[in-house]
C-alpha atoms as a PDB file:
ATOM      1  CA  MET A   1     138.675 162.192 137.751  1.00  0.00           C
ATOM      2  CA  ASP A   2     138.306 165.023 136.645  1.00  0.00           C
ATOM      3  CA  HIS A   3     142.062 167.026 137.591  1.00  0.00           C
ATOM      4  CA  PHE A   4     140.542 169.656 135.735  1.00  0.00           C
ATOM      5  CA  LYS A   5     137.942 170.867 137.699  1.00  0.00           C
ATOM      6  CA  GLU A   6     140.357 169.309 140.729  1.00  0.00           C
ATOM      7  CA  LEU A   7     142.030 172.297 139.153  1.00  0.00           C
ATOM      8  CA  LYS A   8     138.462 175.203 138.717  1.00  0.00           C
ATOM      9  CA  GLU A   9     137.893 174.859 142.818  1.00  0.00           C
ATOM     10  CA  GLU A  10     140.537 175.131 144.615  1.00  0.00           C
ATOM     11  CA  LEU A  11     142.155 178.430 141.836  1.00  0.00           C
ATOM     12  CA  LEU A  12     138.828 180.021 143.561  1.00  0.00           C
ATOM     13  CA  ALA A  13     138.965 178.749 146.897  1.00  0.00           C
ATOM     14  CA  ALA A  14     142.750 180.195 148.095  1.00  0.00           C
ATOM     15  CA  PRO A  15     141.738 183.386 148.247  1.00  0.00           C
ATOM     16  CA  LEU A  16     139.361 182.523 149.925  1.00  0.00           C
ATOM     17  CA  ASN A  17     141.016 180.208 152.678  1.00  0.00           C
ATOM     18  CA  ASP A  18     143.916 182.191 154.518  1.00  0.00           C
ATOM     19  CA  GLY A  19     145.385 178.837 155.159  1.00  0.00           C
ATOM     20  CA  HIS A  20     144.720 178.011 151.579  1.00  0.00           C
ATOM     21  CA  PRO A  21     148.581 176.263 150.503  1.00  0.00           C
ATOM     22  CA  PHE A  22     147.660 177.859 146.680  1.00  0.00           C
ATOM     23  CA  ARG A  23     147.149 181.680 148.688  1.00  0.00           C
ATOM     24  CA  THR A  24     150.858 182.669 147.905  1.00  0.00           C
ATOM     25  CA  GLY A  25     152.617 181.347 144.943  1.00  0.00           C
ATOM     26  CA  THR A  26     155.633 182.229 142.934  1.00  0.00           C
ATOM     27  CA  PHE A  27     154.770 184.670 140.723  1.00  0.00           C
ATOM     28  CA  GLY A  28     157.885 184.903 137.564  1.00  0.00           C
ATOM     29  CA  THR A  29     158.195 187.867 134.896  1.00  0.00           C
ATOM     30  CA  VAL A  30     161.191 188.529 132.846  1.00  0.00           C
ATOM     31  CA  GLY A  31     161.574 192.370 131.442  1.00  0.00           C
ATOM     32  CA  LEU A  32     163.870 193.780 128.794  1.00  0.00           C
ATOM     33  CA  ASP A  33     166.990 191.948 130.870  1.00  0.00           C
ATOM     34  CA  MET A  34     166.496 188.608 129.867  1.00  0.00           C
ATOM     35  CA  MET A  35     166.392 187.391 133.222  1.00  0.00           C
ATOM     36  CA  ALA A  36     163.877 185.603 135.297  1.00  0.00           C
ATOM     37  CA  ARG A  37     162.755 187.072 138.583  1.00  0.00           C
ATOM     38  CA  LEU A  38     160.364 185.798 141.007  1.00  0.00           C
ATOM     39  CA  ARG A  39     158.701 185.966 143.956  1.00  0.00           C
ATOM     40  CA  THR A  40     155.590 185.006 146.190  1.00  0.00           C
ATOM     41  CA  ILE A  41     152.268 187.267 145.667  1.00  0.00           C
ATOM     42  CA  VAL A  42     149.067 186.473 147.945  1.00  0.00           C
ATOM     43  CA  LEU A  43     146.187 185.731 145.731  1.00  0.00           C
ATOM     44  CA  ARG A  44     143.933 188.290 146.655  1.00  0.00           C
ATOM     45  CA  LYS A  45     140.470 186.582 143.691  1.00  0.00           C
ATOM     46  CA  THR A  46     140.562 184.173 141.036  1.00  0.00           C
ATOM     47  CA  ASP A  47     137.132 184.527 138.810  1.00  0.00           C
ATOM     48  CA  PRO A  48     134.869 181.666 137.324  1.00  0.00           C
ATOM     49  CA  ASP A  49     137.152 182.190 134.180  1.00  0.00           C
ATOM     50  CA  LEU A  50     140.944 181.672 136.556  1.00  0.00           C
ATOM     51  CA  ASN A  51     141.694 184.861 135.723  1.00  0.00           C
ATOM     52  CA  MET A  52     143.502 186.029 139.423  1.00  0.00           C
ATOM     53  CA  THR A  53     144.226 188.878 141.219  1.00  0.00           C
ATOM     54  CA  PHE A  54     146.713 190.444 143.903  1.00  0.00           C
ATOM     55  CA  TYR A  55     148.358 193.667 144.998  1.00  0.00           C
ATOM     56  CA  THR A  56     151.454 195.464 145.087  1.00  0.00           C
ATOM     57  CA  ASP A  57     152.672 198.572 144.905  1.00  0.00           C
ATOM     58  CA  PHE A  58     153.026 200.325 141.829  1.00  0.00           C
ATOM     59  CA  ARG A  59     156.493 201.080 141.827  1.00  0.00           C
ATOM     60  CA  SER A  60     157.702 197.895 142.015  1.00  0.00           C
ATOM     61  CA  LYS A  61     159.898 196.312 139.795  1.00  0.00           C
ATOM     62  CA  LYS A  62     156.888 192.943 138.561  1.00  0.00           C
ATOM     63  CA  ILE A  63     154.981 195.908 137.389  1.00  0.00           C
ATOM     64  CA  ILE A  64     157.689 197.320 135.910  1.00  0.00           C
ATOM     65  CA  HIS A  65     158.195 193.907 134.304  1.00  0.00           C
ATOM     66  CA  ILE A  66     154.646 192.582 133.016  1.00  0.00           C
ATOM     67  CA  LYS A  67     155.305 196.626 131.183  1.00  0.00           C
ATOM     68  CA  GLU A  68     157.896 195.471 129.686  1.00  0.00           C
ATOM     69  CA  ASN A  69     156.855 192.308 128.958  1.00  0.00           C
ATOM     70  CA  PRO A  70     153.142 190.818 129.745  1.00  0.00           C
ATOM     71  CA  LYS A  71     153.411 187.216 129.754  1.00  0.00           C
ATOM     72  CA  VAL A  72     154.470 185.877 133.229  1.00  0.00           C
ATOM     73  CA  SER A  73     153.939 182.856 135.523  1.00  0.00           C
ATOM     74  CA  LEU A  74     152.520 181.583 139.035  1.00  0.00           C
ATOM     75  CA  LEU A  75     154.026 178.273 139.988  1.00  0.00           C
ATOM     76  CA  LEU A  76     151.583 176.857 142.391  1.00  0.00           C
ATOM     77  CA  TYR A  77     152.356 173.927 145.331  1.00  0.00           C
ATOM     78  CA  HIS A  78     149.479 172.506 147.075  1.00  0.00           C
ATOM     79  CA  PRO A  79     152.025 169.720 150.171  1.00  0.00           C
ATOM     80  CA  GLU A  80     149.348 168.128 151.348  1.00  0.00           C
ATOM     81  CA  LYS A  81     147.699 167.192 147.568  1.00  0.00           C
ATOM     82  CA  LYS A  82     150.386 166.374 146.247  1.00  0.00           C
ATOM     83  CA  LEU A  83     149.370 168.783 143.507  1.00  0.00           C
ATOM     84  CA  GLN A  84     151.690 171.644 141.596  1.00  0.00           C
ATOM     85  CA  LEU A  85     149.416 174.358 139.289  1.00  0.00           C
ATOM     86  CA  LYS A  86     152.486 175.844 136.535  1.00  0.00           C
ATOM     87  CA  VAL A  87     149.801 178.723 135.362  1.00  0.00           C
ATOM     88  CA  GLU A  88     151.360 180.608 132.271  1.00  0.00           C
ATOM     89  CA  GLY A  89     149.139 184.325 131.032  1.00  0.00           C
ATOM     90  CA  LEU A  90     149.210 187.449 130.574  1.00  0.00           C
ATOM     91  CA  ALA A  91     149.136 190.346 133.006  1.00  0.00           C
ATOM     92  CA  VAL A  92     147.201 192.949 133.450  1.00  0.00           C
ATOM     93  CA  ILE A  93     147.877 196.073 135.200  1.00  0.00           C
ATOM     94  CA  LYS A  94     144.313 197.602 136.685  1.00  0.00           C
ATOM     95  CA  LYS A  95     145.334 201.180 138.168  1.00  0.00           C
ATOM     96  CA  ASP A  96     141.510 202.777 137.460  1.00  0.00           C
ATOM     97  CA  THR A  97     140.113 204.747 140.455  1.00  0.00           C
ATOM     98  CA  ALA A  98     136.983 203.232 140.566  1.00  0.00           C
ATOM     99  CA  SER A  99     138.164 200.004 141.417  1.00  0.00           C
ATOM    100  CA  LEU A 100     141.216 200.918 143.656  1.00  0.00           C
ATOM    101  CA  THR A 101     139.096 203.132 146.120  1.00  0.00           C
ATOM    102  CA  GLU A 102     136.685 200.562 147.267  1.00  0.00           C
ATOM    103  CA  LEU A 103     139.470 198.519 147.945  1.00  0.00           C
ATOM    104  CA  TRP A 104     141.964 200.861 150.038  1.00  0.00           C
ATOM    105  CA  GLN A 105     138.456 201.872 151.724  1.00  0.00           C
ATOM    106  CA  ASN A 106     138.278 198.550 152.714  1.00  0.00           C
ATOM    107  CA  MET A 107     141.638 197.163 153.509  1.00  0.00           C
ATOM    108  CA  LYS A 108     142.836 196.820 156.968  1.00  0.00           C
ATOM    109  CA  ASP A 109     145.289 200.176 158.181  1.00  0.00           C
ATOM    110  CA  HIS A 110     147.668 197.296 158.487  1.00  0.00           C
ATOM    111  CA  ASN A 111     147.662 196.270 155.392  1.00  0.00           C
ATOM    112  CA  LYS A 112     148.122 199.938 153.834  1.00  0.00           C
ATOM    113  CA  ARG A 113     151.275 200.477 154.956  1.00  0.00           C
ATOM    114  CA  ASP A 114     152.795 197.660 152.274  1.00  0.00           C
ATOM    115  CA  TYR A 115     151.796 200.839 150.090  1.00  0.00           C
ATOM    116  CA  THR A 116     152.472 204.217 151.835  1.00  0.00           C
ATOM    117  CA  THR A 117     156.116 203.858 151.666  1.00  0.00           C
ATOM    118  CA  ALA A 118     157.622 206.778 150.630  1.00  0.00           C
ATOM    119  CA  LEU A 119     160.574 205.317 148.868  1.00  0.00           C
ATOM    120  CA  ALA A 120     159.759 202.688 146.187  1.00  0.00           C
ATOM    121  CA  PRO A 121     160.309 199.214 146.808  1.00  0.00           C
ATOM    122  CA  GLY A 122     163.924 197.471 146.469  1.00  0.00           C
ATOM    123  CA  SER A 123     165.275 201.313 147.737  1.00  0.00           C
ATOM    124  CA  GLU A 124     167.760 200.431 150.150  1.00  0.00           C
ATOM    125  CA  ILE A 125     168.057 202.033 153.236  1.00  0.00           C
ATOM    126  CA  SER A 126     170.188 202.589 156.208  1.00  0.00           C
ATOM    127  CA  GLY A 127     168.396 199.942 158.255  1.00  0.00           C
ATOM    128  CA  GLU A 128     165.775 197.853 158.660  1.00  0.00           C
ATOM    129  CA  ASP A 129     163.889 200.751 161.474  1.00  0.00           C
ATOM    130  CA  SER A 130     164.097 203.555 158.083  1.00  0.00           C
ATOM    131  CA  VAL A 131     161.370 202.707 156.166  1.00  0.00           C
ATOM    132  CA  GLU A 132     158.814 205.728 155.513  1.00  0.00           C
ATOM    133  CA  TYR A 133     155.095 206.165 154.845  1.00  0.00           C
ATOM    134  CA  LEU A 134     153.002 208.709 153.449  1.00  0.00           C
ATOM    135  CA  ASP A 135     149.831 209.663 154.313  1.00  0.00           C
ATOM    136  CA  SER A 136     147.963 211.658 151.651  1.00  0.00           C
ATOM    137  CA  GLU A 137     149.414 208.695 147.914  1.00  0.00           C
ATOM    138  CA  ASN A 138     149.358 205.263 148.549  1.00  0.00           C
ATOM    139  CA  PHE A 139     150.017 203.188 144.778  1.00  0.00           C
ATOM    140  CA  LEU A 140     148.160 200.093 144.830  1.00  0.00           C
ATOM    141  CA  CYS A 141     147.993 198.570 141.984  1.00  0.00           C
ATOM    142  CA  MET A 142     146.423 195.677 140.940  1.00  0.00           C
ATOM    143  CA  VAL A 143     147.272 192.879 138.393  1.00  0.00           C
ATOM    144  CA  ILE A 144     144.535 189.969 137.081  1.00  0.00           C
ATOM    145  CA  LEU A 145     146.499 187.280 135.573  1.00  0.00           C
ATOM    146  CA  GLU A 146     144.577 185.344 132.935  1.00  0.00           C
ATOM    147  CA  PRO A 147     145.624 182.101 132.110  1.00  0.00           C
ATOM    148  CA  PHE A 148     146.339 181.073 129.206  1.00  0.00           C
ATOM    149  CA  LYS A 149     147.934 177.025 129.388  1.00  0.00           C
ATOM    150  CA  ILE A 150     148.158 175.204 133.298  1.00  0.00           C
ATOM    151  CA  GLU A 151     150.043 172.787 133.607  1.00  0.00           C
ATOM    152  CA  TYR A 152     148.895 170.114 136.224  1.00  0.00           C
ATOM    153  CA  LEU A 153     151.539 167.635 138.229  1.00  0.00           C
ATOM    154  CA  LYS A 154     149.967 165.109 140.776  1.00  0.00           C
ATOM    155  CA  LEU A 155     151.971 163.230 142.715  1.00  0.00           C
ATOM    156  CA  GLY A 156     150.752 159.638 143.495  1.00  0.00           C
ATOM    157  CA  SER A 157     150.735 156.018 143.112  1.00  0.00           C
ATOM    158  CA  PRO A 158     151.137 153.891 141.254  1.00  0.00           C
ATOM    159  CA  HIS A 159     152.177 156.908 138.865  1.00  0.00           C
ATOM    160  CA  HIS A 160     152.076 160.645 139.040  1.00  0.00           C
ATOM    161  CA  THR A 161     149.638 162.439 136.549  1.00  0.00           C
ATOM    162  CA  ARG A 162     150.564 165.779 134.416  1.00  0.00           C
ATOM    163  CA  ILE A 163     148.052 167.294 132.374  1.00  0.00           C
ATOM    164  CA  ARG A 164     148.337 170.523 129.989  1.00  0.00           C
ATOM    165  CA  PHE A 165     145.384 172.690 129.932  1.00  0.00           C
ATOM    166  CA  SER A 166     145.264 175.800 127.014  1.00  0.00           C
ATOM    167  CA  LYS A 167     142.562 178.142 126.822  1.00  0.00           C
ATOM    168  CA  LYS A 168     140.717 178.306 123.764  1.00  0.00           C
ATOM    169  CA  LYS A 169     138.848 180.905 122.138  1.00  0.00           C
ATOM    170  CA  ALA A 170     136.048 181.771 123.929  1.00  0.00           C
ATOM    171  CA  GLY A 171     137.294 181.037 127.296  1.00  0.00           C
ATOM    172  CA  HIS A 172     136.839 177.184 126.658  1.00  0.00           C
ATOM    173  CA  TRP A 173     140.301 174.425 128.515  1.00  0.00           C
ATOM    174  CA  VAL A 174     141.337 171.516 126.094  1.00  0.00           C
ATOM    175  CA  SER A 175     143.667 169.179 127.782  1.00  0.00           C
ATOM    176  CA  ASP A 176     146.403 166.564 126.504  1.00  0.00           C
ATOM    177  CA  PHE A 177     147.914 164.224 129.180  1.00  0.00           C
ATOM    178  CA  LEU A 178     152.265 164.712 128.959  1.00  0.00           C
ATOM    179  CA  VAL A 179     155.112 161.982 130.484  1.00  0.00           C
ATOM    180  CA  PRO A 180     155.374 163.041 134.373  1.00  0.00           C
END
């Protein structure tokens, strides 16, 4: 079985299929406080080099953490296939006007609200109905995770399979089998 081909097919399919288990994952950062911070993100795009894109509010804590330390991780799990992927890489913040303008214009109105709050995500408010939205400003940005290591773990019988894929120069990936 070509395990790398399988993980690549799943990562490419995830952003295109709302119900795909890899469409959402647990994204981890570590800022200057050295505390691991985890949150769920939605994969919006995966390119053939396995660079993965998600959107966020530019004022969010994850952006602060990425600026402090761009080394990040992403955990994905497919329950039907019993497949876990642990992705390690560098996060790149994309806030260029051309890309974001097109993205914003094509975004559904109900999704736009997530990026137009008057206060930054995580700010304290008096109640769940106290969120204020802006009409003329948004804080949308893209984050691209450029992976340099992907650990593949497939649970199964008669044994589990664990492989570390490491990206080398020119986008070439090498693999090492690991004890599950």
